[in-house]
């Protein structure tokens, strides 16, 4: 499968430097604009260039029929090559965390920092239906002619995620989905599981989860430690699955020192 050119936005530090640039990778049904505020703060507080990226079939990136973690890792590699970056620092949420892990385990040499938010299921399936699957089911149940009925969804975070995927179509005075629901739906079996790799990543890694989330538990620790033996694990109190929405300042307070500390190698 060929890699696609991803849409992105970058935040530049006040002065050019040789620090590792940061790539922020959103979760399923997310998009780059959801992370602008955090990315701007991360840029200022770490003095690094920060990229926020739309995954394939999301935001302004191309819609394509194949969507799995190796393909999305290849997309990110293509963007890095075009930007002349060989050793990035990666921050991924949920699906984005899996893209980050795939890249770290398969393509990038030691020296990249990897930070992942949300549950990392590894070789296991989710033990329960995730919030992203709930979003997908709700989205598919709403016909295009009635997209603004999303505003009636009672769960605030799910409603916000859905509304962020709706755009006005000025050509016919209506609304449309920004993400490719059909392509995402056809690939859910690939997106809801993580490939089991027989290799490890031996540089810095940080696993973050909301203390109120059930998508990253102690049962995942042995596989995390096998794949990322230098990983630290941290729970953020008062946060659920969407850490950047629930506790953005606390998330930054975890990411900034991780990005700024010297490499363990």
C-alpha atoms as a PDB file:
ATOM      1  CA  UNK A   1       0.000   0.000   0.000  1.00  0.00           C
ATOM      2  CA  UNK A   2       1.310   3.434  -0.906  1.00  0.00           C
ATOM      3  CA  UNK A   3       1.742   6.144   1.695  1.00  0.00           C
ATOM      4  CA  UNK A   4      -0.415   9.288   1.460  1.00  0.00           C
ATOM      5  CA  UNK A   5       0.545  12.935   1.998  1.00  0.00           C
ATOM      6  CA  UNK A   6      -0.915  13.934   5.344  1.00  0.00           C
ATOM      7  CA  UNK A   7      -2.339  17.351   6.160  1.00  0.00           C
ATOM      8  CA  UNK A   8      -0.513  19.019   9.028  1.00  0.00           C
ATOM      9  CA  UNK A   9       0.122  22.289  10.834  1.00  0.00           C
ATOM     10  CA  UNK A  10       3.321  23.180  12.631  1.00  0.00           C
ATOM     11  CA  UNK A  11       4.137  25.486  15.501  1.00  0.00           C
ATOM     12  CA  UNK A  12       7.611  27.027  15.429  1.00  0.00           C
ATOM     13  CA  UNK A  13       9.736  27.997  18.461  1.00  0.00           C
ATOM     14  CA  UNK A  14      10.913  31.602  18.705  1.00  0.00           C
ATOM     15  CA  UNK A  15      14.458  30.632  17.735  1.00  0.00           C
ATOM     16  CA  UNK A  16      15.539  27.804  15.447  1.00  0.00           C
ATOM     17  CA  UNK A  17      17.355  24.985  17.273  1.00  0.00           C
ATOM     18  CA  UNK A  18      18.361  21.363  16.849  1.00  0.00           C
ATOM     19  CA  UNK A  19      15.936  19.838  19.378  1.00  0.00           C
ATOM     20  CA  UNK A  20      13.845  16.861  18.277  1.00  0.00           C
ATOM     21  CA  UNK A  21      10.612  18.070  16.638  1.00  0.00           C
ATOM     22  CA  UNK A  22       7.386  16.716  18.152  1.00  0.00           C
ATOM     23  CA  UNK A  23       4.616  15.030  16.145  1.00  0.00           C
ATOM     24  CA  UNK A  24       1.173  14.889  17.776  1.00  0.00           C
ATOM     25  CA  UNK A  25      -1.053  12.073  16.485  1.00  0.00           C
ATOM     26  CA  UNK A  26      -4.774  12.237  17.269  1.00  0.00           C
ATOM     27  CA  UNK A  27      -7.114   9.355  18.039  1.00  0.00           C
ATOM     28  CA  UNK A  28      -9.906   7.816  16.015  1.00  0.00           C
ATOM     29  CA  UNK A  29     -12.378  10.522  14.908  1.00  0.00           C
ATOM     30  CA  UNK A  30      -9.987  13.214  16.094  1.00  0.00           C
ATOM     31  CA  UNK A  31      -8.256  15.808  13.924  1.00  0.00           C
ATOM     32  CA  UNK A  32      -5.298  18.132  14.132  1.00  0.00           C
ATOM     33  CA  UNK A  33      -7.268  21.229  15.132  1.00  0.00           C
ATOM     34  CA  UNK A  34      -8.340  19.520  18.391  1.00  0.00           C
ATOM     35  CA  UNK A  35      -4.697  19.699  19.481  1.00  0.00           C
ATOM     36  CA  UNK A  36      -3.762  23.239  18.436  1.00  0.00           C
ATOM     37  CA  UNK A  37      -3.934  24.742  21.914  1.00  0.00           C
ATOM     38  CA  UNK A  38      -1.894  21.978  23.541  1.00  0.00           C
ATOM     39  CA  UNK A  39       0.581  21.949  20.632  1.00  0.00           C
ATOM     40  CA  UNK A  40       1.127  25.711  20.923  1.00  0.00           C
ATOM     41  CA  UNK A  41       1.805  25.392  24.653  1.00  0.00           C
ATOM     42  CA  UNK A  42       4.083  22.392  24.139  1.00  0.00           C
ATOM     43  CA  UNK A  43       6.058  24.339  21.544  1.00  0.00           C
ATOM     44  CA  UNK A  44       6.525  27.284  23.895  1.00  0.00           C
ATOM     45  CA  UNK A  45       7.311  25.222  26.995  1.00  0.00           C
ATOM     46  CA  UNK A  46       9.804  22.844  25.334  1.00  0.00           C
ATOM     47  CA  UNK A  47      11.206  25.231  22.700  1.00  0.00           C
ATOM     48  CA  UNK A  48      10.577  22.620  20.010  1.00  0.00           C
ATOM     49  CA  UNK A  49       8.866  22.641  16.644  1.00  0.00           C
ATOM     50  CA  UNK A  50       5.548  20.814  17.047  1.00  0.00           C
ATOM     51  CA  UNK A  51       3.590  19.198  14.214  1.00  0.00           C
ATOM     52  CA  UNK A  52      -0.092  18.314  14.513  1.00  0.00           C
ATOM     53  CA  UNK A  53      -1.180  15.839  11.872  1.00  0.00           C
ATOM     54  CA  UNK A  54      -4.463  14.592  10.376  1.00  0.00           C
ATOM     55  CA  UNK A  55      -4.412  10.801   9.949  1.00  0.00           C
ATOM     56  CA  UNK A  56      -5.638   9.296   6.693  1.00  0.00           C
ATOM     57  CA  UNK A  57      -9.460   9.401   6.445  1.00  0.00           C
ATOM     58  CA  UNK A  58      -9.542  12.220   9.010  1.00  0.00           C
ATOM     59  CA  UNK A  59      -9.608  16.008   8.825  1.00  0.00           C
ATOM     60  CA  UNK A  60      -7.960  17.396   5.692  1.00  0.00           C
ATOM     61  CA  UNK A  61      -5.975  14.262   4.842  1.00  0.00           C
ATOM     62  CA  UNK A  62      -6.887  12.008   1.881  1.00  0.00           C
ATOM     63  CA  UNK A  63      -9.636   9.406   2.061  1.00  0.00           C
ATOM     64  CA  UNK A  64      -8.326   5.953   1.107  1.00  0.00           C
ATOM     65  CA  UNK A  65      -9.749   2.414   1.371  1.00  0.00           C
ATOM     66  CA  UNK A  66      -6.893   0.873   3.395  1.00  0.00           C
ATOM     67  CA  UNK A  67      -6.397   1.928   7.006  1.00  0.00           C
ATOM     68  CA  UNK A  68      -4.142  -0.049   9.313  1.00  0.00           C
ATOM     69  CA  UNK A  69      -1.247   0.798  11.595  1.00  0.00           C
ATOM     70  CA  UNK A  70       1.591  -0.150   9.219  1.00  0.00           C
ATOM     71  CA  UNK A  71       0.028   2.056   6.501  1.00  0.00           C
ATOM     72  CA  UNK A  72      -0.483   4.978   8.874  1.00  0.00           C
ATOM     73  CA  UNK A  73       3.082   4.567  10.128  1.00  0.00           C
ATOM     74  CA  UNK A  74       4.241   4.780   6.497  1.00  0.00           C
ATOM     75  CA  UNK A  75       2.216   8.003   6.070  1.00  0.00           C
ATOM     76  CA  UNK A  76       4.037   9.558   9.002  1.00  0.00           C
ATOM     77  CA  UNK A  77       7.396   8.374   7.681  1.00  0.00           C
ATOM     78  CA  UNK A  78       6.633  10.061   4.346  1.00  0.00           C
ATOM     79  CA  UNK A  79       5.829  13.340   6.099  1.00  0.00           C
ATOM     80  CA  UNK A  80       9.026  13.104   8.139  1.00  0.00           C
ATOM     81  CA  UNK A  81      11.103  12.558   4.991  1.00  0.00           C
ATOM     82  CA  UNK A  82       9.537  15.585   3.296  1.00  0.00           C
ATOM     83  CA  UNK A  83      10.294  17.661   6.399  1.00  0.00           C
ATOM     84  CA  UNK A  84      13.860  16.313   6.641  1.00  0.00           C
ATOM     85  CA  UNK A  85      13.294  14.735  10.069  1.00  0.00           C
ATOM     86  CA  UNK A  86      14.918  11.430  11.042  1.00  0.00           C
ATOM     87  CA  UNK A  87      14.461  11.356  14.822  1.00  0.00           C
ATOM     88  CA  UNK A  88      11.111  12.762  15.954  1.00  0.00           C
ATOM     89  CA  UNK A  89       9.488  12.863  19.361  1.00  0.00           C
ATOM     90  CA  UNK A  90       6.023  11.323  19.104  1.00  0.00           C
ATOM     91  CA  UNK A  91       2.909  12.043  21.138  1.00  0.00           C
ATOM     92  CA  UNK A  92      -0.058   9.848  20.269  1.00  0.00           C
ATOM     93  CA  UNK A  93      -3.545   9.517  21.718  1.00  0.00           C
ATOM     94  CA  UNK A  94      -5.365   6.167  21.459  1.00  0.00           C
ATOM     95  CA  UNK A  95      -5.173   5.296  17.726  1.00  0.00           C
ATOM     96  CA  UNK A  96      -2.370   7.833  17.449  1.00  0.00           C
ATOM     97  CA  UNK A  97      -0.536   6.064  20.268  1.00  0.00           C
ATOM     98  CA  UNK A  98      -0.668   2.839  18.300  1.00  0.00           C
ATOM     99  CA  UNK A  99       0.704   4.614  15.235  1.00  0.00           C
ATOM    100  CA  UNK A 100       3.528   5.933  17.426  1.00  0.00           C
ATOM    101  CA  UNK A 101       4.246   2.463  18.782  1.00  0.00           C
ATOM    102  CA  UNK A 102       4.240   0.932  15.314  1.00  0.00           C
ATOM    103  CA  UNK A 103       6.692   3.549  14.095  1.00  0.00           C
ATOM    104  CA  UNK A 104       8.961   3.105  17.114  1.00  0.00           C
ATOM    105  CA  UNK A 105       8.955  -0.694  16.855  1.00  0.00           C
ATOM    106  CA  UNK A 106       9.403  -1.004  13.101  1.00  0.00           C
ATOM    107  CA  UNK A 107      10.947   2.025  11.418  1.00  0.00           C
ATOM    108  CA  UNK A 108      12.735   4.470  13.710  1.00  0.00           C
ATOM    109  CA  UNK A 109      16.120   3.835  15.291  1.00  0.00           C
ATOM    110  CA  UNK A 110      16.631   4.298  19.028  1.00  0.00           C
ATOM    111  CA  UNK A 111      16.755   7.947  19.993  1.00  0.00           C
ATOM    112  CA  UNK A 112      13.130   8.851  19.316  1.00  0.00           C
ATOM    113  CA  UNK A 113      11.016   9.748  22.341  1.00  0.00           C
ATOM    114  CA  UNK A 114       7.588   8.133  22.352  1.00  0.00           C
ATOM    115  CA  UNK A 115       4.689   9.247  24.532  1.00  0.00           C
ATOM    116  CA  UNK A 116       1.296   7.648  24.299  1.00  0.00           C
ATOM    117  CA  UNK A 117      -2.039   8.599  25.831  1.00  0.00           C
ATOM    118  CA  UNK A 118      -5.154   6.474  26.150  1.00  0.00           C
ATOM    119  CA  UNK A 119      -5.259   2.701  26.317  1.00  0.00           C
ATOM    120  CA  UNK A 120      -2.670   0.592  24.566  1.00  0.00           C
ATOM    121  CA  UNK A 121      -4.339  -2.768  23.985  1.00  0.00           C
ATOM    122  CA  UNK A 122      -1.251  -4.434  22.452  1.00  0.00           C
ATOM    123  CA  UNK A 123      -2.067  -7.992  21.455  1.00  0.00           C
ATOM    124  CA  UNK A 124      -5.426  -7.978  23.226  1.00  0.00           C
ATOM    125  CA  UNK A 125      -8.791  -6.781  21.993  1.00  0.00           C
ATOM    126  CA  UNK A 126     -10.504  -4.066  24.007  1.00  0.00           C
ATOM    127  CA  UNK A 127     -12.238  -5.587  27.007  1.00  0.00           C
ATOM    128  CA  UNK A 128     -15.242  -3.382  26.328  1.00  0.00           C
ATOM    129  CA  UNK A 129     -16.585  -1.240  23.506  1.00  0.00           C
ATOM    130  CA  UNK A 130     -14.525   1.943  23.425  1.00  0.00           C
ATOM    131  CA  UNK A 131     -15.803   5.505  23.227  1.00  0.00           C
ATOM    132  CA  UNK A 132     -14.512   5.751  19.651  1.00  0.00           C
ATOM    133  CA  UNK A 133     -16.696   2.803  18.623  1.00  0.00           C
ATOM    134  CA  UNK A 134     -19.653   4.511  20.288  1.00  0.00           C
ATOM    135  CA  UNK A 135     -18.881   7.608  18.214  1.00  0.00           C
ATOM    136  CA  UNK A 136     -18.807   5.533  15.036  1.00  0.00           C
ATOM    137  CA  UNK A 137     -22.117   3.809  15.788  1.00  0.00           C
ATOM    138  CA  UNK A 138     -23.807   7.136  16.510  1.00  0.00           C
ATOM    139  CA  UNK A 139     -22.330   8.726  13.388  1.00  0.00           C
ATOM    140  CA  UNK A 140     -23.528   5.913  11.121  1.00  0.00           C
ATOM    141  CA  UNK A 141     -27.012   6.113  12.613  1.00  0.00           C
ATOM    142  CA  UNK A 142     -27.435   9.778  11.691  1.00  0.00           C
ATOM    143  CA  UNK A 143     -28.327  10.426   8.024  1.00  0.00           C
ATOM    144  CA  UNK A 144     -26.433  13.179   6.241  1.00  0.00           C
ATOM    145  CA  UNK A 145     -29.615  15.211   5.890  1.00  0.00           C
ATOM    146  CA  UNK A 146     -29.928  15.417   9.700  1.00  0.00           C
ATOM    147  CA  UNK A 147     -26.337  15.906  10.829  1.00  0.00           C
ATOM    148  CA  UNK A 148     -27.140  18.752  13.191  1.00  0.00           C
ATOM    149  CA  UNK A 149     -29.116  16.266  15.309  1.00  0.00           C
ATOM    150  CA  UNK A 150     -25.671  15.492  16.717  1.00  0.00           C
ATOM    151  CA  UNK A 151     -26.235  18.484  18.987  1.00  0.00           C
ATOM    152  CA  UNK A 152     -28.836  16.404  20.851  1.00  0.00           C
ATOM    153  CA  UNK A 153     -26.331  13.686  21.889  1.00  0.00           C
ATOM    154  CA  UNK A 154     -26.276  13.784  25.684  1.00  0.00           C
ATOM    155  CA  UNK A 155     -22.684  12.709  26.432  1.00  0.00           C
ATOM    156  CA  UNK A 156     -20.638  15.904  26.239  1.00  0.00           C
ATOM    157  CA  UNK A 157     -17.312  14.472  25.037  1.00  0.00           C
ATOM    158  CA  UNK A 158     -18.938  12.166  22.454  1.00  0.00           C
ATOM    159  CA  UNK A 159     -21.064  15.090  21.227  1.00  0.00           C
ATOM    160  CA  UNK A 160     -17.959  17.265  20.928  1.00  0.00           C
ATOM    161  CA  UNK A 161     -16.085  14.604  18.926  1.00  0.00           C
ATOM    162  CA  UNK A 162     -19.032  14.199  16.563  1.00  0.00           C
ATOM    163  CA  UNK A 163     -19.492  17.949  16.081  1.00  0.00           C
ATOM    164  CA  UNK A 164     -15.788  18.308  15.289  1.00  0.00           C
ATOM    165  CA  UNK A 165     -16.324  15.964  12.352  1.00  0.00           C
ATOM    166  CA  UNK A 166     -19.108  17.996  10.752  1.00  0.00           C
ATOM    167  CA  UNK A 167     -18.485  20.784   8.248  1.00  0.00           C
ATOM    168  CA  UNK A 168     -20.773  23.048   6.271  1.00  0.00           C
ATOM    169  CA  UNK A 169     -21.027  22.309   2.574  1.00  0.00           C
ATOM    170  CA  UNK A 170     -21.579  25.765   1.082  1.00  0.00           C
ATOM    171  CA  UNK A 171     -22.222  24.379  -2.407  1.00  0.00           C
ATOM    172  CA  UNK A 172     -25.651  23.057  -1.415  1.00  0.00           C
ATOM    173  CA  UNK A 173     -26.225  24.773   1.931  1.00  0.00           C
ATOM    174  CA  UNK A 174     -25.998  21.534   3.924  1.00  0.00           C
ATOM    175  CA  UNK A 175     -23.606  19.677   6.222  1.00  0.00           C
ATOM    176  CA  UNK A 176     -21.224  16.785   5.623  1.00  0.00           C
ATOM    177  CA  UNK A 177     -18.916  14.445   7.505  1.00  0.00           C
ATOM    178  CA  UNK A 178     -15.262  15.519   7.417  1.00  0.00           C
ATOM    179  CA  UNK A 179     -13.932  12.047   8.176  1.00  0.00           C
ATOM    180  CA  UNK A 180     -14.520   9.084   5.857  1.00  0.00           C
ATOM    181  CA  UNK A 181     -17.017   7.010   7.818  1.00  0.00           C
ATOM    182  CA  UNK A 182     -17.176   4.296   5.161  1.00  0.00           C
ATOM    183  CA  UNK A 183     -13.408   3.773   4.995  1.00  0.00           C
ATOM    184  CA  UNK A 184     -13.081   3.856   8.783  1.00  0.00           C
ATOM    185  CA  UNK A 185     -15.955   1.401   9.164  1.00  0.00           C
ATOM    186  CA  UNK A 186     -14.440  -1.088   6.728  1.00  0.00           C
ATOM    187  CA  UNK A 187     -11.154  -1.032   8.657  1.00  0.00           C
ATOM    188  CA  UNK A 188     -12.368  -1.184  12.261  1.00  0.00           C
ATOM    189  CA  UNK A 189     -11.066  -4.747  12.656  1.00  0.00           C
ATOM    190  CA  UNK A 190      -7.555  -3.426  11.945  1.00  0.00           C
ATOM    191  CA  UNK A 191      -7.934  -0.353  14.139  1.00  0.00           C
ATOM    192  CA  UNK A 192      -9.206  -2.160  17.243  1.00  0.00           C
ATOM    193  CA  UNK A 193      -6.213  -4.459  17.626  1.00  0.00           C
ATOM    194  CA  UNK A 194      -2.456  -4.001  17.839  1.00  0.00           C
ATOM    195  CA  UNK A 195      -0.003  -6.257  16.023  1.00  0.00           C
ATOM    196  CA  UNK A 196       2.171  -8.427  18.270  1.00  0.00           C
ATOM    197  CA  UNK A 197       5.817  -7.598  17.548  1.00  0.00           C
ATOM    198  CA  UNK A 198       8.739  -9.832  18.469  1.00  0.00           C
ATOM    199  CA  UNK A 199      11.041  -6.895  19.139  1.00  0.00           C
ATOM    200  CA  UNK A 200      11.472  -4.141  21.691  1.00  0.00           C
ATOM    201  CA  UNK A 201      12.117  -0.415  21.683  1.00  0.00           C
ATOM    202  CA  UNK A 202      14.983   0.490  24.012  1.00  0.00           C
ATOM    203  CA  UNK A 203      14.772   4.273  24.323  1.00  0.00           C
ATOM    204  CA  UNK A 204      12.515   6.594  26.335  1.00  0.00           C
ATOM    205  CA  UNK A 205       8.775   5.992  26.369  1.00  0.00           C
ATOM    206  CA  UNK A 206       5.946   7.338  28.510  1.00  0.00           C
ATOM    207  CA  UNK A 207       2.502   5.754  28.783  1.00  0.00           C
ATOM    208  CA  UNK A 208      -0.218   8.116  30.008  1.00  0.00           C
ATOM    209  CA  UNK A 209      -3.788   7.249  30.934  1.00  0.00           C
ATOM    210  CA  UNK A 210      -6.704   8.939  32.617  1.00  0.00           C
ATOM    211  CA  UNK A 211      -7.336   7.551  36.094  1.00  0.00           C
ATOM    212  CA  UNK A 212     -11.037   7.294  35.190  1.00  0.00           C
ATOM    213  CA  UNK A 213     -10.365   5.367  31.977  1.00  0.00           C
ATOM    214  CA  UNK A 214     -10.684   1.583  31.785  1.00  0.00           C
ATOM    215  CA  UNK A 215      -8.709   1.276  28.547  1.00  0.00           C
ATOM    216  CA  UNK A 216      -5.256   0.932  30.110  1.00  0.00           C
ATOM    217  CA  UNK A 217      -5.000  -1.386  33.113  1.00  0.00           C
ATOM    218  CA  UNK A 218      -2.444  -3.351  35.106  1.00  0.00           C
ATOM    219  CA  UNK A 219      -3.183  -6.324  32.865  1.00  0.00           C
ATOM    220  CA  UNK A 220      -1.436  -4.418  30.040  1.00  0.00           C
ATOM    221  CA  UNK A 221       1.782  -3.798  31.991  1.00  0.00           C
ATOM    222  CA  UNK A 222       3.660  -7.024  31.092  1.00  0.00           C
ATOM    223  CA  UNK A 223       3.215  -6.453  27.347  1.00  0.00           C
ATOM    224  CA  UNK A 224       4.131  -2.771  27.671  1.00  0.00           C
ATOM    225  CA  UNK A 225       7.305  -3.731  29.546  1.00  0.00           C
ATOM    226  CA  UNK A 226       8.180  -6.383  26.967  1.00  0.00           C
ATOM    227  CA  UNK A 227       7.861  -3.986  24.043  1.00  0.00           C
ATOM    228  CA  UNK A 228       9.068  -0.826  25.817  1.00  0.00           C
ATOM    229  CA  UNK A 229      11.393  -1.908  28.659  1.00  0.00           C
ATOM    230  CA  UNK A 230      12.319   1.721  29.531  1.00  0.00           C
ATOM    231  CA  UNK A 231       8.713   2.915  29.644  1.00  0.00           C
ATOM    232  CA  UNK A 232       7.299   4.947  32.508  1.00  0.00           C
ATOM    233  CA  UNK A 233       3.565   4.773  33.243  1.00  0.00           C
ATOM    234  CA  UNK A 234       1.531   7.630  34.652  1.00  0.00           C
ATOM    235  CA  UNK A 235      -2.155   8.110  35.477  1.00  0.00           C
ATOM    236  CA  UNK A 236      -3.740  11.580  35.432  1.00  0.00           C
ATOM    237  CA  UNK A 237      -6.343  12.063  38.138  1.00  0.00           C
ATOM    238  CA  UNK A 238      -9.756  13.289  37.052  1.00  0.00           C
ATOM    239  CA  UNK A 239      -9.219  12.382  33.385  1.00  0.00           C
ATOM    240  CA  UNK A 240     -10.968   9.788  31.267  1.00  0.00           C
ATOM    241  CA  UNK A 241     -10.014   8.488  27.837  1.00  0.00           C
ATOM    242  CA  UNK A 242      -9.661  11.943  26.254  1.00  0.00           C
ATOM    243  CA  UNK A 243      -6.903  13.343  28.455  1.00  0.00           C
ATOM    244  CA  UNK A 244      -6.316  16.427  26.297  1.00  0.00           C
ATOM    245  CA  UNK A 245      -9.959  17.457  26.725  1.00  0.00           C
ATOM    246  CA  UNK A 246     -10.390  16.504  30.386  1.00  0.00           C
ATOM    247  CA  UNK A 247      -7.073  17.685  31.855  1.00  0.00           C
ATOM    248  CA  UNK A 248      -4.992  19.597  29.274  1.00  0.00           C
ATOM    249  CA  UNK A 249      -2.793  21.379  31.822  1.00  0.00           C
ATOM    250  CA  UNK A 250      -2.026  18.187  33.695  1.00  0.00           C
ATOM    251  CA  UNK A 251      -1.238  16.454  30.421  1.00  0.00           C
ATOM    252  CA  UNK A 252       1.224  19.216  29.560  1.00  0.00           C
ATOM    253  CA  UNK A 253       2.753  18.961  33.028  1.00  0.00           C
ATOM    254  CA  UNK A 254       3.526  15.308  32.259  1.00  0.00           C
ATOM    255  CA  UNK A 255       4.728  15.821  28.686  1.00  0.00           C
ATOM    256  CA  UNK A 256       7.018  18.821  29.163  1.00  0.00           C
ATOM    257  CA  UNK A 257       9.498  17.241  31.624  1.00  0.00           C
ATOM    258  CA  UNK A 258       9.464  14.029  29.602  1.00  0.00           C
ATOM    259  CA  UNK A 259      10.400  15.930  26.446  1.00  0.00           C
ATOM    260  CA  UNK A 260      13.008  18.032  28.226  1.00  0.00           C
ATOM    261  CA  UNK A 261      14.853  15.313  30.127  1.00  0.00           C
ATOM    262  CA  UNK A 262      18.138  13.990  28.682  1.00  0.00           C
ATOM    263  CA  UNK A 263      17.925  10.720  26.753  1.00  0.00           C
ATOM    264  CA  UNK A 264      18.468   7.595  28.836  1.00  0.00           C
ATOM    265  CA  UNK A 265      20.834   6.256  26.168  1.00  0.00           C
END
